[in-house]
C-alpha atoms as a PDB file:
ATOM      1  CA  UNK A   1     101.545  39.719  95.618  1.00  0.00           C
ATOM      2  CA  UNK A   2     101.669  40.429  91.828  1.00  0.00           C
ATOM      3  CA  UNK A   3     103.473  43.713  90.608  1.00  0.00           C
ATOM      4  CA  UNK A   4      99.944  45.197  89.536  1.00  0.00           C
ATOM      5  CA  UNK A   5      98.340  44.452  92.927  1.00  0.00           C
ATOM      6  CA  UNK A   6     101.556  45.975  94.653  1.00  0.00           C
ATOM      7  CA  UNK A   7     101.356  49.269  92.773  1.00  0.00           C
ATOM      8  CA  UNK A   8      97.771  49.501  93.493  1.00  0.00           C
ATOM      9  CA  UNK A   9      98.293  48.964  97.323  1.00  0.00           C
ATOM     10  CA  UNK A  10     101.114  51.592  97.173  1.00  0.00           C
ATOM     11  CA  UNK A  11      98.681  54.064  95.318  1.00  0.00           C
ATOM     12  CA  UNK A  12      95.908  53.612  98.045  1.00  0.00           C
ATOM     13  CA  UNK A  13      98.361  54.227 100.919  1.00  0.00           C
ATOM     14  CA  UNK A  14      99.764  57.415  99.294  1.00  0.00           C
ATOM     15  CA  UNK A  15      96.475  58.799  98.488  1.00  0.00           C
ATOM     16  CA  UNK A  16      95.218  58.221 102.192  1.00  0.00           C
ATOM     17  CA  UNK A  17      98.539  59.517 103.735  1.00  0.00           C
ATOM     18  CA  UNK A  18      98.985  62.708 101.777  1.00  0.00           C
ATOM     19  CA  UNK A  19      95.524  63.936 101.665  1.00  0.00           C
ATOM     20  CA  UNK A  20      96.804  67.302 100.712  1.00  0.00           C
ATOM     21  CA  UNK A  21      95.578  69.547  97.688  1.00  0.00           C
ATOM     22  CA  UNK A  22      96.810  72.841  96.468  1.00  0.00           C
ATOM     23  CA  UNK A  23      94.109  75.482  97.207  1.00  0.00           C
ATOM     24  CA  UNK A  24      92.332  76.872  94.146  1.00  0.00           C
ATOM     25  CA  UNK A  25      89.848  79.528  93.234  1.00  0.00           C
ATOM     26  CA  UNK A  26      88.139  76.638  91.375  1.00  0.00           C
ATOM     27  CA  UNK A  27      88.057  74.197  93.941  1.00  0.00           C
ATOM     28  CA  UNK A  28      84.215  73.961  94.129  1.00  0.00           C
ATOM     29  CA  UNK A  29      83.566  74.750  90.568  1.00  0.00           C
ATOM     30  CA  UNK A  30      82.099  71.176  89.977  1.00  0.00           C
ATOM     31  CA  UNK A  31      80.993  70.094  93.360  1.00  0.00           C
ATOM     32  CA  UNK A  32      79.369  73.393  94.710  1.00  0.00           C
ATOM     33  CA  UNK A  33      79.564  76.174  92.096  1.00  0.00           C
ATOM     34  CA  UNK A  34      77.245  78.563  94.101  1.00  0.00           C
ATOM     35  CA  UNK A  35      79.484  78.308  97.385  1.00  0.00           C
ATOM     36  CA  UNK A  36      80.928  81.964  97.171  1.00  0.00           C
ATOM     37  CA  UNK A  37      77.413  83.464  96.399  1.00  0.00           C
ATOM     38  CA  UNK A  38      75.869  81.508  99.240  1.00  0.00           C
ATOM     39  CA  UNK A  39      78.478  82.786 101.776  1.00  0.00           C
ATOM     40  CA  UNK A  40      78.155  86.310 100.314  1.00  0.00           C
ATOM     41  CA  UNK A  41      74.445  86.321 100.944  1.00  0.00           C
ATOM     42  CA  UNK A  42      74.929  85.401 104.557  1.00  0.00           C
ATOM     43  CA  UNK A  43      77.419  87.909 105.143  1.00  0.00           C
ATOM     44  CA  UNK A  44      75.368  90.699 103.432  1.00  0.00           C
ATOM     45  CA  UNK A  45      72.250  89.921 105.411  1.00  0.00           C
ATOM     46  CA  UNK A  46      74.219  90.124 108.697  1.00  0.00           C
ATOM     47  CA  UNK A  47      75.757  93.276 107.804  1.00  0.00           C
ATOM     48  CA  UNK A  48      72.448  94.971 107.109  1.00  0.00           C
ATOM     49  CA  UNK A  49      71.651  94.330 110.745  1.00  0.00           C
ATOM     50  CA  UNK A  50      74.975  94.735 112.573  1.00  0.00           C
ATOM     51  CA  UNK A  51      77.617  97.130 111.609  1.00  0.00           C
ATOM     52  CA  UNK A  52      80.124  95.206 113.697  1.00  0.00           C
ATOM     53  CA  UNK A  53      80.127  92.277 111.475  1.00  0.00           C
ATOM     54  CA  UNK A  54      82.867  93.369 109.220  1.00  0.00           C
ATOM     55  CA  UNK A  55      85.331  93.634 111.753  1.00  0.00           C
ATOM     56  CA  UNK A  56      84.350  90.653 113.629  1.00  0.00           C
ATOM     57  CA  UNK A  57      84.578  88.314 110.707  1.00  0.00           C
ATOM     58  CA  UNK A  58      88.048  89.839 109.381  1.00  0.00           C
ATOM     59  CA  UNK A  59      89.468  89.379 113.130  1.00  0.00           C
ATOM     60  CA  UNK A  60      88.034  86.126 113.261  1.00  0.00           C
ATOM     61  CA  UNK A  61      89.962  84.994 110.137  1.00  0.00           C
ATOM     62  CA  UNK A  62      93.253  86.535 111.414  1.00  0.00           C
ATOM     63  CA  UNK A  63      92.842  84.645 114.750  1.00  0.00           C
ATOM     64  CA  UNK A  64      91.973  81.277 113.205  1.00  0.00           C
ATOM     65  CA  UNK A  65      95.029  81.505 110.785  1.00  0.00           C
ATOM     66  CA  UNK A  66      97.378  82.480 113.451  1.00  0.00           C
ATOM     67  CA  UNK A  67      96.664  79.438 115.567  1.00  0.00           C
ATOM     68  CA  UNK A  68      97.129  76.060 113.900  1.00  0.00           C
ATOM     69  CA  UNK A  69      96.865  77.479 110.383  1.00  0.00           C
ATOM     70  CA  UNK A  70      93.511  78.263 108.668  1.00  0.00           C
ATOM     71  CA  UNK A  71      91.597  75.213 109.878  1.00  0.00           C
ATOM     72  CA  UNK A  72      88.697  76.770 111.562  1.00  0.00           C
ATOM     73  CA  UNK A  73      89.692  75.713 114.753  1.00  0.00           C
ATOM     74  CA  UNK A  74      88.443  79.178 116.347  1.00  0.00           C
ATOM     75  CA  UNK A  75      84.963  78.027 115.629  1.00  0.00           C
ATOM     76  CA  UNK A  76      84.929  74.746 117.603  1.00  0.00           C
ATOM     77  CA  UNK A  77      82.975  75.190 121.073  1.00  0.00           C
ATOM     78  CA  UNK A  78      84.584  74.350 124.187  1.00  0.00           C
ATOM     79  CA  UNK A  79      83.422  70.708 125.511  1.00  0.00           C
ATOM     80  CA  UNK A  80      83.481  69.232 129.326  1.00  0.00           C
ATOM     81  CA  UNK A  81      87.089  68.112 129.096  1.00  0.00           C
ATOM     82  CA  UNK A  82      88.490  70.984 126.761  1.00  0.00           C
ATOM     83  CA  UNK A  83      88.379  74.697 126.621  1.00  0.00           C
ATOM     84  CA  UNK A  84      88.508  75.799 122.902  1.00  0.00           C
ATOM     85  CA  UNK A  85      90.222  78.699 121.264  1.00  0.00           C
ATOM     86  CA  UNK A  86      87.003  80.890 121.210  1.00  0.00           C
ATOM     87  CA  UNK A  87      87.252  80.871 125.090  1.00  0.00           C
ATOM     88  CA  UNK A  88      90.775  81.808 125.192  1.00  0.00           C
ATOM     89  CA  UNK A  89      91.608  85.306 126.504  1.00  0.00           C
ATOM     90  CA  UNK A  90      92.478  87.002 123.173  1.00  0.00           C
ATOM     91  CA  UNK A  91      89.279  85.696 121.750  1.00  0.00           C
ATOM     92  CA  UNK A  92      86.622  86.426 124.339  1.00  0.00           C
ATOM     93  CA  UNK A  93      85.616  89.423 122.338  1.00  0.00           C
ATOM     94  CA  UNK A  94      85.298  87.432 119.183  1.00  0.00           C
ATOM     95  CA  UNK A  95      81.793  87.239 117.686  1.00  0.00           C
ATOM     96  CA  UNK A  96      79.385  86.806 114.711  1.00  0.00           C
ATOM     97  CA  UNK A  97      79.972  83.143 114.813  1.00  0.00           C
ATOM     98  CA  UNK A  98      76.119  83.060 113.629  1.00  0.00           C
ATOM     99  CA  UNK A  99      77.138  84.247 110.511  1.00  0.00           C
ATOM    100  CA  UNK A 100      79.427  81.447 109.701  1.00  0.00           C
ATOM    101  CA  UNK A 101      76.637  79.160 111.035  1.00  0.00           C
ATOM    102  CA  UNK A 102      74.144  80.694 108.952  1.00  0.00           C
ATOM    103  CA  UNK A 103      76.346  80.296 105.684  1.00  0.00           C
ATOM    104  CA  UNK A 104      77.109  76.639 106.621  1.00  0.00           C
ATOM    105  CA  UNK A 105      73.490  75.961 107.142  1.00  0.00           C
ATOM    106  CA  UNK A 106      72.591  77.399 103.430  1.00  0.00           C
ATOM    107  CA  UNK A 107      75.760  75.520 101.880  1.00  0.00           C
ATOM    108  CA  UNK A 108      74.553  72.052 103.536  1.00  0.00           C
ATOM    109  CA  UNK A 109      71.058  72.413 101.997  1.00  0.00           C
ATOM    110  CA  UNK A 110      72.650  72.948  98.490  1.00  0.00           C
ATOM    111  CA  UNK A 111      75.933  70.874  98.719  1.00  0.00           C
ATOM    112  CA  UNK A 112      75.731  68.537 101.633  1.00  0.00           C
ATOM    113  CA  UNK A 113      79.150  67.718 103.210  1.00  0.00           C
ATOM    114  CA  UNK A 114      81.270  69.568 100.591  1.00  0.00           C
ATOM    115  CA  UNK A 115      82.438  73.094 101.664  1.00  0.00           C
ATOM    116  CA  UNK A 116      84.456  73.046 104.791  1.00  0.00           C
ATOM    117  CA  UNK A 117      84.076  75.862 107.577  1.00  0.00           C
ATOM    118  CA  UNK A 118      87.660  76.954 107.141  1.00  0.00           C
ATOM    119  CA  UNK A 119      86.812  77.937 103.381  1.00  0.00           C
ATOM    120  CA  UNK A 120      83.704  79.790 104.720  1.00  0.00           C
ATOM    121  CA  UNK A 121      85.755  81.937 107.182  1.00  0.00           C
ATOM    122  CA  UNK A 122      88.140  82.806 104.362  1.00  0.00           C
ATOM    123  CA  UNK A 123      85.256  83.663 101.995  1.00  0.00           C
ATOM    124  CA  UNK A 124      83.494  85.948 104.593  1.00  0.00           C
ATOM    125  CA  UNK A 125      86.765  87.774 105.279  1.00  0.00           C
ATOM    126  CA  UNK A 126      86.866  88.576 101.767  1.00  0.00           C
ATOM    127  CA  UNK A 127      83.265  89.671 101.452  1.00  0.00           C
ATOM    128  CA  UNK A 128      83.208  92.019 104.514  1.00  0.00           C
ATOM    129  CA  UNK A 129      86.265  93.843 102.903  1.00  0.00           C
ATOM    130  CA  UNK A 130      84.608  94.155  99.678  1.00  0.00           C
ATOM    131  CA  UNK A 131      81.260  95.093 100.911  1.00  0.00           C
ATOM    132  CA  UNK A 132      82.868  97.656 103.063  1.00  0.00           C
ATOM    133  CA  UNK A 133      84.398  99.485 100.110  1.00  0.00           C
ATOM    134  CA  UNK A 134      87.605  97.664  99.815  1.00  0.00           C
ATOM    135  CA  UNK A 135      88.990  95.530  97.036  1.00  0.00           C
ATOM    136  CA  UNK A 136      87.731  91.957  96.059  1.00  0.00           C
ATOM    137  CA  UNK A 137      89.639  88.909  94.959  1.00  0.00           C
ATOM    138  CA  UNK A 138      89.320  85.099  94.210  1.00  0.00           C
ATOM    139  CA  UNK A 139      89.580  83.174  97.271  1.00  0.00           C
ATOM    140  CA  UNK A 140      91.764  80.141  96.921  1.00  0.00           C
ATOM    141  CA  UNK A 141      89.594  77.275  98.376  1.00  0.00           C
ATOM    142  CA  UNK A 142      90.188  73.485  99.600  1.00  0.00           C
ATOM    143  CA  UNK A 143      91.127  73.945 103.118  1.00  0.00           C
ATOM    144  CA  UNK A 144      90.051  71.225 105.497  1.00  0.00           C
ATOM    145  CA  UNK A 145      88.694  71.835 109.100  1.00  0.00           C
ATOM    146  CA  UNK A 146      90.820  70.916 112.106  1.00  0.00           C
ATOM    147  CA  UNK A 147      89.766  68.704 114.905  1.00  0.00           C
ATOM    148  CA  UNK A 148      91.684  70.223 117.808  1.00  0.00           C
ATOM    149  CA  UNK A 149      91.161  73.662 119.582  1.00  0.00           C
ATOM    150  CA  UNK A 150      92.829  74.652 122.716  1.00  0.00           C
ATOM    151  CA  UNK A 151      92.266  77.842 124.620  1.00  0.00           C
ATOM    152  CA  UNK A 152      95.866  77.904 125.789  1.00  0.00           C
ATOM    153  CA  UNK A 153      97.418  78.107 122.228  1.00  0.00           C
ATOM    154  CA  UNK A 154      95.725  81.447 121.975  1.00  0.00           C
ATOM    155  CA  UNK A 155      98.926  82.743 123.615  1.00  0.00           C
ATOM    156  CA  UNK A 156     100.454  82.478 120.203  1.00  0.00           C
ATOM    157  CA  UNK A 157      98.479  85.376 118.884  1.00  0.00           C
ATOM    158  CA  UNK A 158     100.282  88.713 118.510  1.00  0.00           C
ATOM    159  CA  UNK A 159      99.503  90.886 121.312  1.00  0.00           C
ATOM    160  CA  UNK A 160      98.479  94.657 121.177  1.00  0.00           C
ATOM    161  CA  UNK A 161     101.577  95.436 123.396  1.00  0.00           C
ATOM    162  CA  UNK A 162     103.957  93.957 121.038  1.00  0.00           C
ATOM    163  CA  UNK A 163     107.065  95.664 119.935  1.00  0.00           C
ATOM    164  CA  UNK A 164     108.358  95.313 116.477  1.00  0.00           C
ATOM    165  CA  UNK A 165     110.667  92.513 117.270  1.00  0.00           C
ATOM    166  CA  UNK A 166     107.879  90.650 118.783  1.00  0.00           C
ATOM    167  CA  UNK A 167     105.686  91.079 115.936  1.00  0.00           C
ATOM    168  CA  UNK A 168     108.543  90.234 113.345  1.00  0.00           C
ATOM    169  CA  UNK A 169     109.099  87.009 115.112  1.00  0.00           C
ATOM    170  CA  UNK A 170     105.185  86.207 115.326  1.00  0.00           C
ATOM    171  CA  UNK A 171     104.543  86.871 111.690  1.00  0.00           C
ATOM    172  CA  UNK A 172     107.930  85.271 110.638  1.00  0.00           C
ATOM    173  CA  UNK A 173     106.926  82.024 112.218  1.00  0.00           C
ATOM    174  CA  UNK A 174     103.959  81.738 109.840  1.00  0.00           C
ATOM    175  CA  UNK A 175     105.967  82.462 106.644  1.00  0.00           C
ATOM    176  CA  UNK A 176     104.836  86.283 106.735  1.00  0.00           C
ATOM    177  CA  UNK A 177     107.350  89.045 105.986  1.00  0.00           C
ATOM    178  CA  UNK A 178     107.458  92.641 107.702  1.00  0.00           C
ATOM    179  CA  UNK A 179     105.767  93.903 104.529  1.00  0.00           C
ATOM    180  CA  UNK A 180     102.834  91.556 105.282  1.00  0.00           C
ATOM    181  CA  UNK A 181     102.715  92.823 108.878  1.00  0.00           C
ATOM    182  CA  UNK A 182     102.308  96.444 107.810  1.00  0.00           C
ATOM    183  CA  UNK A 183      99.829  95.644 105.343  1.00  0.00           C
ATOM    184  CA  UNK A 184      97.555  93.253 107.323  1.00  0.00           C
ATOM    185  CA  UNK A 185      97.750  95.655 110.185  1.00  0.00           C
ATOM    186  CA  UNK A 186      95.688  97.880 107.896  1.00  0.00           C
ATOM    187  CA  UNK A 187      92.787  95.889 108.590  1.00  0.00           C
ATOM    188  CA  UNK A 188      92.246  97.690 111.821  1.00  0.00           C
ATOM    189  CA  UNK A 189      90.594  99.985 109.701  1.00  0.00           C
ATOM    190  CA  UNK A 190      87.581  98.032 110.553  1.00  0.00           C
ATOM    191  CA  UNK A 191      88.207  97.483 114.002  1.00  0.00           C
ATOM    192  CA  UNK A 192      87.085  98.473 117.514  1.00  0.00           C
ATOM    193  CA  UNK A 193      89.185  98.215 120.575  1.00  0.00           C
ATOM    194  CA  UNK A 194      88.400  97.646 124.310  1.00  0.00           C
ATOM    195  CA  UNK A 195      89.905 100.024 126.863  1.00  0.00           C
ATOM    196  CA  UNK A 196      92.148  97.126 128.100  1.00  0.00           C
ATOM    197  CA  UNK A 197      93.899  96.676 124.647  1.00  0.00           C
ATOM    198  CA  UNK A 198      95.378 100.491 124.913  1.00  0.00           C
ATOM    199  CA  UNK A 199      95.236 101.234 128.540  1.00  0.00           C
ATOM    200  CA  UNK A 200      98.987 100.706 128.899  1.00  0.00           C
ATOM    201  CA  UNK A 201      99.335 103.785 126.630  1.00  0.00           C
ATOM    202  CA  UNK A 202      97.240 106.414 128.425  1.00  0.00           C
ATOM    203  CA  UNK A 203      97.701 105.158 132.191  1.00  0.00           C
ATOM    204  CA  UNK A 204     101.202 104.753 133.993  1.00  0.00           C
ATOM    205  CA  UNK A 205     102.926 104.350 130.519  1.00  0.00           C
ATOM    206  CA  UNK A 206     106.426 104.614 132.493  1.00  0.00           C
ATOM    207  CA  UNK A 207     108.052 105.693 135.491  1.00  0.00           C
ATOM    208  CA  UNK A 208     108.590 109.172 133.882  1.00  0.00           C
ATOM    209  CA  UNK A 209     105.382 109.336 131.665  1.00  0.00           C
ATOM    210  CA  UNK A 210     101.765 108.854 132.349  1.00  0.00           C
ATOM    211  CA  UNK A 211     100.913 108.842 128.826  1.00  0.00           C
ATOM    212  CA  UNK A 212     102.842 107.362 125.797  1.00  0.00           C
ATOM    213  CA  UNK A 213     104.664 110.519 124.380  1.00  0.00           C
ATOM    214  CA  UNK A 214     104.172 109.099 120.698  1.00  0.00           C
ATOM    215  CA  UNK A 215     100.361 109.614 121.161  1.00  0.00           C
ATOM    216  CA  UNK A 216      98.963 112.874 119.870  1.00  0.00           C
ATOM    217  CA  UNK A 217      98.044 114.896 122.924  1.00  0.00           C
ATOM    218  CA  UNK A 218      94.552 115.712 122.171  1.00  0.00           C
ATOM    219  CA  UNK A 219      94.005 112.196 120.894  1.00  0.00           C
ATOM    220  CA  UNK A 220      95.380 110.828 124.242  1.00  0.00           C
ATOM    221  CA  UNK A 221      93.111 113.158 126.133  1.00  0.00           C
ATOM    222  CA  UNK A 222      90.001 111.875 124.296  1.00  0.00           C
ATOM    223  CA  UNK A 223      91.040 108.187 124.956  1.00  0.00           C
ATOM    224  CA  UNK A 224      91.558 108.883 128.689  1.00  0.00           C
ATOM    225  CA  UNK A 225      88.121 110.368 128.868  1.00  0.00           C
ATOM    226  CA  UNK A 226      86.709 107.231 127.267  1.00  0.00           C
ATOM    227  CA  UNK A 227      88.869 104.917 129.547  1.00  0.00           C
ATOM    228  CA  UNK A 228      89.343 106.332 132.726  1.00  0.00           C
ATOM    229  CA  UNK A 229      91.934 104.943 135.263  1.00  0.00           C
ATOM    230  CA  UNK A 230      89.268 102.858 137.198  1.00  0.00           C
ATOM    231  CA  UNK A 231      86.972 102.159 134.211  1.00  0.00           C
ATOM    232  CA  UNK A 232      84.176  99.672 134.969  1.00  0.00           C
ATOM    233  CA  UNK A 233      82.304 100.075 131.606  1.00  0.00           C
ATOM    234  CA  UNK A 234      82.527  96.669 130.029  1.00  0.00           C
ATOM    235  CA  UNK A 235      82.171  97.469 126.501  1.00  0.00           C
ATOM    236  CA  UNK A 236      83.930 100.891 126.871  1.00  0.00           C
ATOM    237  CA  UNK A 237      86.614 101.598 123.853  1.00  0.00           C
ATOM    238  CA  UNK A 238      87.289 103.452 120.806  1.00  0.00           C
ATOM    239  CA  UNK A 239      87.307 102.712 116.884  1.00  0.00           C
ATOM    240  CA  UNK A 240      90.679 102.096 115.341  1.00  0.00           C
ATOM    241  CA  UNK A 241      90.161 104.752 112.961  1.00  0.00           C
ATOM    242  CA  UNK A 242      87.809 107.646 112.046  1.00  0.00           C
ATOM    243  CA  UNK A 243      85.943 105.745 109.133  1.00  0.00           C
ATOM    244  CA  UNK A 244      85.276 102.423 111.067  1.00  0.00           C
ATOM    245  CA  UNK A 245      82.627 100.807 108.738  1.00  0.00           C
ATOM    246  CA  UNK A 246      84.579 101.707 105.603  1.00  0.00           C
ATOM    247  CA  UNK A 247      87.680  99.842 104.490  1.00  0.00           C
ATOM    248  CA  UNK A 248      90.213 102.424 103.553  1.00  0.00           C
ATOM    249  CA  UNK A 249      93.499 103.825 104.263  1.00  0.00           C
ATOM    250  CA  UNK A 250      92.587 106.094 107.298  1.00  0.00           C
ATOM    251  CA  UNK A 251      94.424 103.713 109.635  1.00  0.00           C
ATOM    252  CA  UNK A 252      97.838 104.664 108.016  1.00  0.00           C
ATOM    253  CA  UNK A 253      97.003 108.245 108.091  1.00  0.00           C
ATOM    254  CA  UNK A 254      96.074 108.416 111.735  1.00  0.00           C
ATOM    255  CA  UNK A 255      98.960 106.128 112.471  1.00  0.00           C
ATOM    256  CA  UNK A 256     101.183 108.791 110.815  1.00  0.00           C
ATOM    257  CA  UNK A 257      99.789 111.625 113.030  1.00  0.00           C
ATOM    258  CA  UNK A 258     100.087 109.705 116.467  1.00  0.00           C
ATOM    259  CA  UNK A 259      96.368 108.504 116.619  1.00  0.00           C
ATOM    260  CA  UNK A 260      96.832 104.799 116.582  1.00  0.00           C
ATOM    261  CA  UNK A 261      95.412 102.721 119.624  1.00  0.00           C
ATOM    262  CA  UNK A 262      97.880  99.757 119.927  1.00  0.00           C
ATOM    263  CA  UNK A 263     101.349  99.746 120.896  1.00  0.00           C
ATOM    264  CA  UNK A 264     101.712  97.356 118.155  1.00  0.00           C
ATOM    265  CA  UNK A 265     100.214  99.886 115.765  1.00  0.00           C
ATOM    266  CA  UNK A 266     102.896 102.421 116.949  1.00  0.00           C
ATOM    267  CA  UNK A 267     105.655  99.808 116.469  1.00  0.00           C
ATOM    268  CA  UNK A 268     105.165  99.936 112.820  1.00  0.00           C
ATOM    269  CA  UNK A 269     106.949 103.528 112.775  1.00  0.00           C
ATOM    270  CA  UNK A 270     109.989 102.479 114.923  1.00  0.00           C
ATOM    271  CA  UNK A 271     111.942 101.078 111.884  1.00  0.00           C
ATOM    272  CA  UNK A 272     112.833 102.839 108.714  1.00  0.00           C
ATOM    273  CA  UNK A 273     111.534 100.158 106.322  1.00  0.00           C
ATOM    274  CA  UNK A 274     107.965  99.912 108.064  1.00  0.00           C
ATOM    275  CA  UNK A 275     107.628 103.479 108.576  1.00  0.00           C
ATOM    276  CA  UNK A 276     108.233 104.066 104.793  1.00  0.00           C
ATOM    277  CA  UNK A 277     105.458 101.269 104.129  1.00  0.00           C
ATOM    278  CA  UNK A 278     102.978 103.180 106.418  1.00  0.00           C
ATOM    279  CA  UNK A 279     103.751 106.408 104.648  1.00  0.00           C
ATOM    280  CA  UNK A 280     103.318 104.804 101.176  1.00  0.00           C
ATOM    281  CA  UNK A 281      99.927 103.214 101.978  1.00  0.00           C
ATOM    282  CA  UNK A 282      98.610 106.423 103.911  1.00  0.00           C
ATOM    283  CA  UNK A 283      99.330 108.366 100.400  1.00  0.00           C
ATOM    284  CA  UNK A 284      97.795 105.561  98.029  1.00  0.00           C
ATOM    285  CA  UNK A 285      94.900 103.775  98.628  1.00  0.00           C
ATOM    286  CA  UNK A 286      95.261 101.999  95.160  1.00  0.00           C
ATOM    287  CA  UNK A 287      98.562 100.685  96.399  1.00  0.00           C
ATOM    288  CA  UNK A 288      97.366  99.589  99.700  1.00  0.00           C
ATOM    289  CA  UNK A 289      94.394  97.709  98.121  1.00  0.00           C
ATOM    290  CA  UNK A 290      96.801  95.866  95.760  1.00  0.00           C
ATOM    291  CA  UNK A 291      99.169  94.910  98.726  1.00  0.00           C
ATOM    292  CA  UNK A 292      96.286  93.888 101.014  1.00  0.00           C
ATOM    293  CA  UNK A 293      94.857  91.359  98.588  1.00  0.00           C
ATOM    294  CA  UNK A 294      98.294  89.679  98.057  1.00  0.00           C
ATOM    295  CA  UNK A 295      98.867  89.523 101.892  1.00  0.00           C
ATOM    296  CA  UNK A 296      95.545  88.199 102.493  1.00  0.00           C
ATOM    297  CA  UNK A 297      95.746  85.487 100.095  1.00  0.00           C
ATOM    298  CA  UNK A 298      99.142  84.694 101.581  1.00  0.00           C
ATOM    299  CA  UNK A 299      97.922  84.772 105.147  1.00  0.00           C
ATOM    300  CA  UNK A 300      94.770  82.543 104.324  1.00  0.00           C
ATOM    301  CA  UNK A 301      96.897  80.034 102.843  1.00  0.00           C
ATOM    302  CA  UNK A 302      98.829  79.197 105.953  1.00  0.00           C
ATOM    303  CA  UNK A 303      98.549  75.362 106.151  1.00  0.00           C
ATOM    304  CA  UNK A 304      96.350  73.920 108.999  1.00  0.00           C
ATOM    305  CA  UNK A 305      96.230  70.212 110.100  1.00  0.00           C
ATOM    306  CA  UNK A 306      92.615  69.846 108.925  1.00  0.00           C
ATOM    307  CA  UNK A 307      91.412  66.568 107.827  1.00  0.00           C
ATOM    308  CA  UNK A 308      87.694  66.916 107.574  1.00  0.00           C
ATOM    309  CA  UNK A 309      84.813  68.833 106.290  1.00  0.00           C
ATOM    310  CA  UNK A 310      82.603  69.418 109.311  1.00  0.00           C
ATOM    311  CA  UNK A 311      78.737  69.251 109.009  1.00  0.00           C
ATOM    312  CA  UNK A 312      78.406  71.642 112.017  1.00  0.00           C
ATOM    313  CA  UNK A 313      81.242  74.279 112.282  1.00  0.00           C
ATOM    314  CA  UNK A 314      81.052  74.195 116.009  1.00  0.00           C
ATOM    315  CA  UNK A 315      81.976  70.543 116.598  1.00  0.00           C
ATOM    316  CA  UNK A 316      84.108  67.912 114.736  1.00  0.00           C
ATOM    317  CA  UNK A 317      82.491  65.360 112.370  1.00  0.00           C
ATOM    318  CA  UNK A 318      84.277  62.035 112.241  1.00  0.00           C
ATOM    319  CA  UNK A 319      86.201  59.655 114.049  1.00  0.00           C
ATOM    320  CA  UNK A 320      89.465  60.092 112.310  1.00  0.00           C
ATOM    321  CA  UNK A 321      90.016  56.410 111.552  1.00  0.00           C
ATOM    322  CA  UNK A 322      86.419  55.950 110.448  1.00  0.00           C
ATOM    323  CA  UNK A 323      87.128  58.766 107.679  1.00  0.00           C
ATOM    324  CA  UNK A 324      90.259  57.326 106.310  1.00  0.00           C
ATOM    325  CA  UNK A 325      88.547  53.919 105.842  1.00  0.00           C
ATOM    326  CA  UNK A 326      85.701  55.772 104.172  1.00  0.00           C
ATOM    327  CA  UNK A 327      88.052  57.297 101.854  1.00  0.00           C
ATOM    328  CA  UNK A 328      89.904  54.022 101.277  1.00  0.00           C
ATOM    329  CA  UNK A 329      86.602  52.238 100.426  1.00  0.00           C
ATOM    330  CA  UNK A 330      85.629  55.080  97.998  1.00  0.00           C
ATOM    331  CA  UNK A 331      89.193  54.691  96.409  1.00  0.00           C
ATOM    332  CA  UNK A 332      88.603  51.034  95.986  1.00  0.00           C
ATOM    333  CA  UNK A 333      85.280  51.543  94.314  1.00  0.00           C
ATOM    334  CA  UNK A 334      86.833  53.735  91.909  1.00  0.00           C
ATOM    335  CA  UNK A 335      89.912  51.354  91.100  1.00  0.00           C
ATOM    336  CA  UNK A 336      87.544  48.496  90.848  1.00  0.00           C
ATOM    337  CA  UNK A 337      85.620  50.353  88.014  1.00  0.00           C
ATOM    338  CA  UNK A 338      88.944  51.775  86.328  1.00  0.00           C
ATOM    339  CA  UNK A 339      90.833  48.527  86.588  1.00  0.00           C
ATOM    340  CA  UNK A 340      88.325  45.885  86.817  1.00  0.00           C
ATOM    341  CA  UNK A 341      90.251  44.005  89.817  1.00  0.00           C
ATOM    342  CA  UNK A 342      88.698  40.800  91.059  1.00  0.00           C
ATOM    343  CA  UNK A 343      86.771  41.011  94.404  1.00  0.00           C
ATOM    344  CA  UNK A 344      89.619  38.822  95.653  1.00  0.00           C
ATOM    345  CA  UNK A 345      92.185  41.193  94.784  1.00  0.00           C
ATOM    346  CA  UNK A 346      90.506  44.139  96.114  1.00  0.00           C
ATOM    347  CA  UNK A 347      89.992  42.390  99.508  1.00  0.00           C
ATOM    348  CA  UNK A 348      93.748  41.652  99.548  1.00  0.00           C
ATOM    349  CA  UNK A 349      94.570  45.191  99.126  1.00  0.00           C
ATOM    350  CA  UNK A 350      91.792  46.508 101.736  1.00  0.00           C
ATOM    351  CA  UNK A 351      93.215  44.012 104.395  1.00  0.00           C
ATOM    352  CA  UNK A 352      96.642  45.442 104.005  1.00  0.00           C
ATOM    353  CA  UNK A 353      95.598  49.085 103.896  1.00  0.00           C
ATOM    354  CA  UNK A 354      93.224  49.040 106.727  1.00  0.00           C
ATOM    355  CA  UNK A 355      95.984  47.157 108.959  1.00  0.00           C
ATOM    356  CA  UNK A 356      98.094  50.548 108.559  1.00  0.00           C
ATOM    357  CA  UNK A 357      95.110  53.099 109.576  1.00  0.00           C
END
């Protein structure tokens, strides 16, 4: 094999093996320039009919990125042989998947096979924040969709009962700092929690205390009224702050007043550094918005193991080896045009490449 052919062979293998591109706000500028607007339109329509959509989509994004990275694995449906993430215990209450489906359908009509479901989830999370009165930002795009989704892996999600050490470990494993922890916890401003998520703070808290003493007494009494000891109301619960449809810093203000729901919220007040940040964001919405944008971009950039762009966000698209072969074929076509290799040369490199995939 001559030097030119060897170099071409190595180029093909590297291009296929390292299918990784840096995320960029301009990723779809030429292939689907209307992508952002299409997703925004789908989110707006859903929000006009259902006020729980913002909290649902923001939470969906968090739960996606914290398991296998931001690869839309949370969207995959369970199959006969596999129970998917969305059916894992922490995700049973996730909803509004239809918003992603609607956005994907509209995108496929305009730009078939181009925009990943993982990018749609990230864009939708940005949109619900902005449309709820919070900040907006340019979402880095170019994520691929994953092919694996396992319910058992939802055990990796930080639980509402976590203490500060457990939270630090969970966020740290994903390259996120304690600062990110405090900032991203503020996303609870759009949240709703079922009784089971905070029952531990209002019933049998400890052998000495029935109720968590860090809770404001009147707030605790109200929660006990909503969630009695033998509560049977399936959807009983409370909003995470007093302005649940607005993205603001009310969450931090209520946390400072002993009016948080989760043990993991209260945990933010148990170290001097995190308590200082809570006070900072309780006092300045501007500072909080600036920090939230930075931490959201950081979290949404947690690398997943995605290797395709799904046509339907609920199921995988390709046989992986088939996709690699398709990529190689496209690359060969490009190289044939650029370098003018003979058919014999291309066939030679093709056989060597496909023997490795």
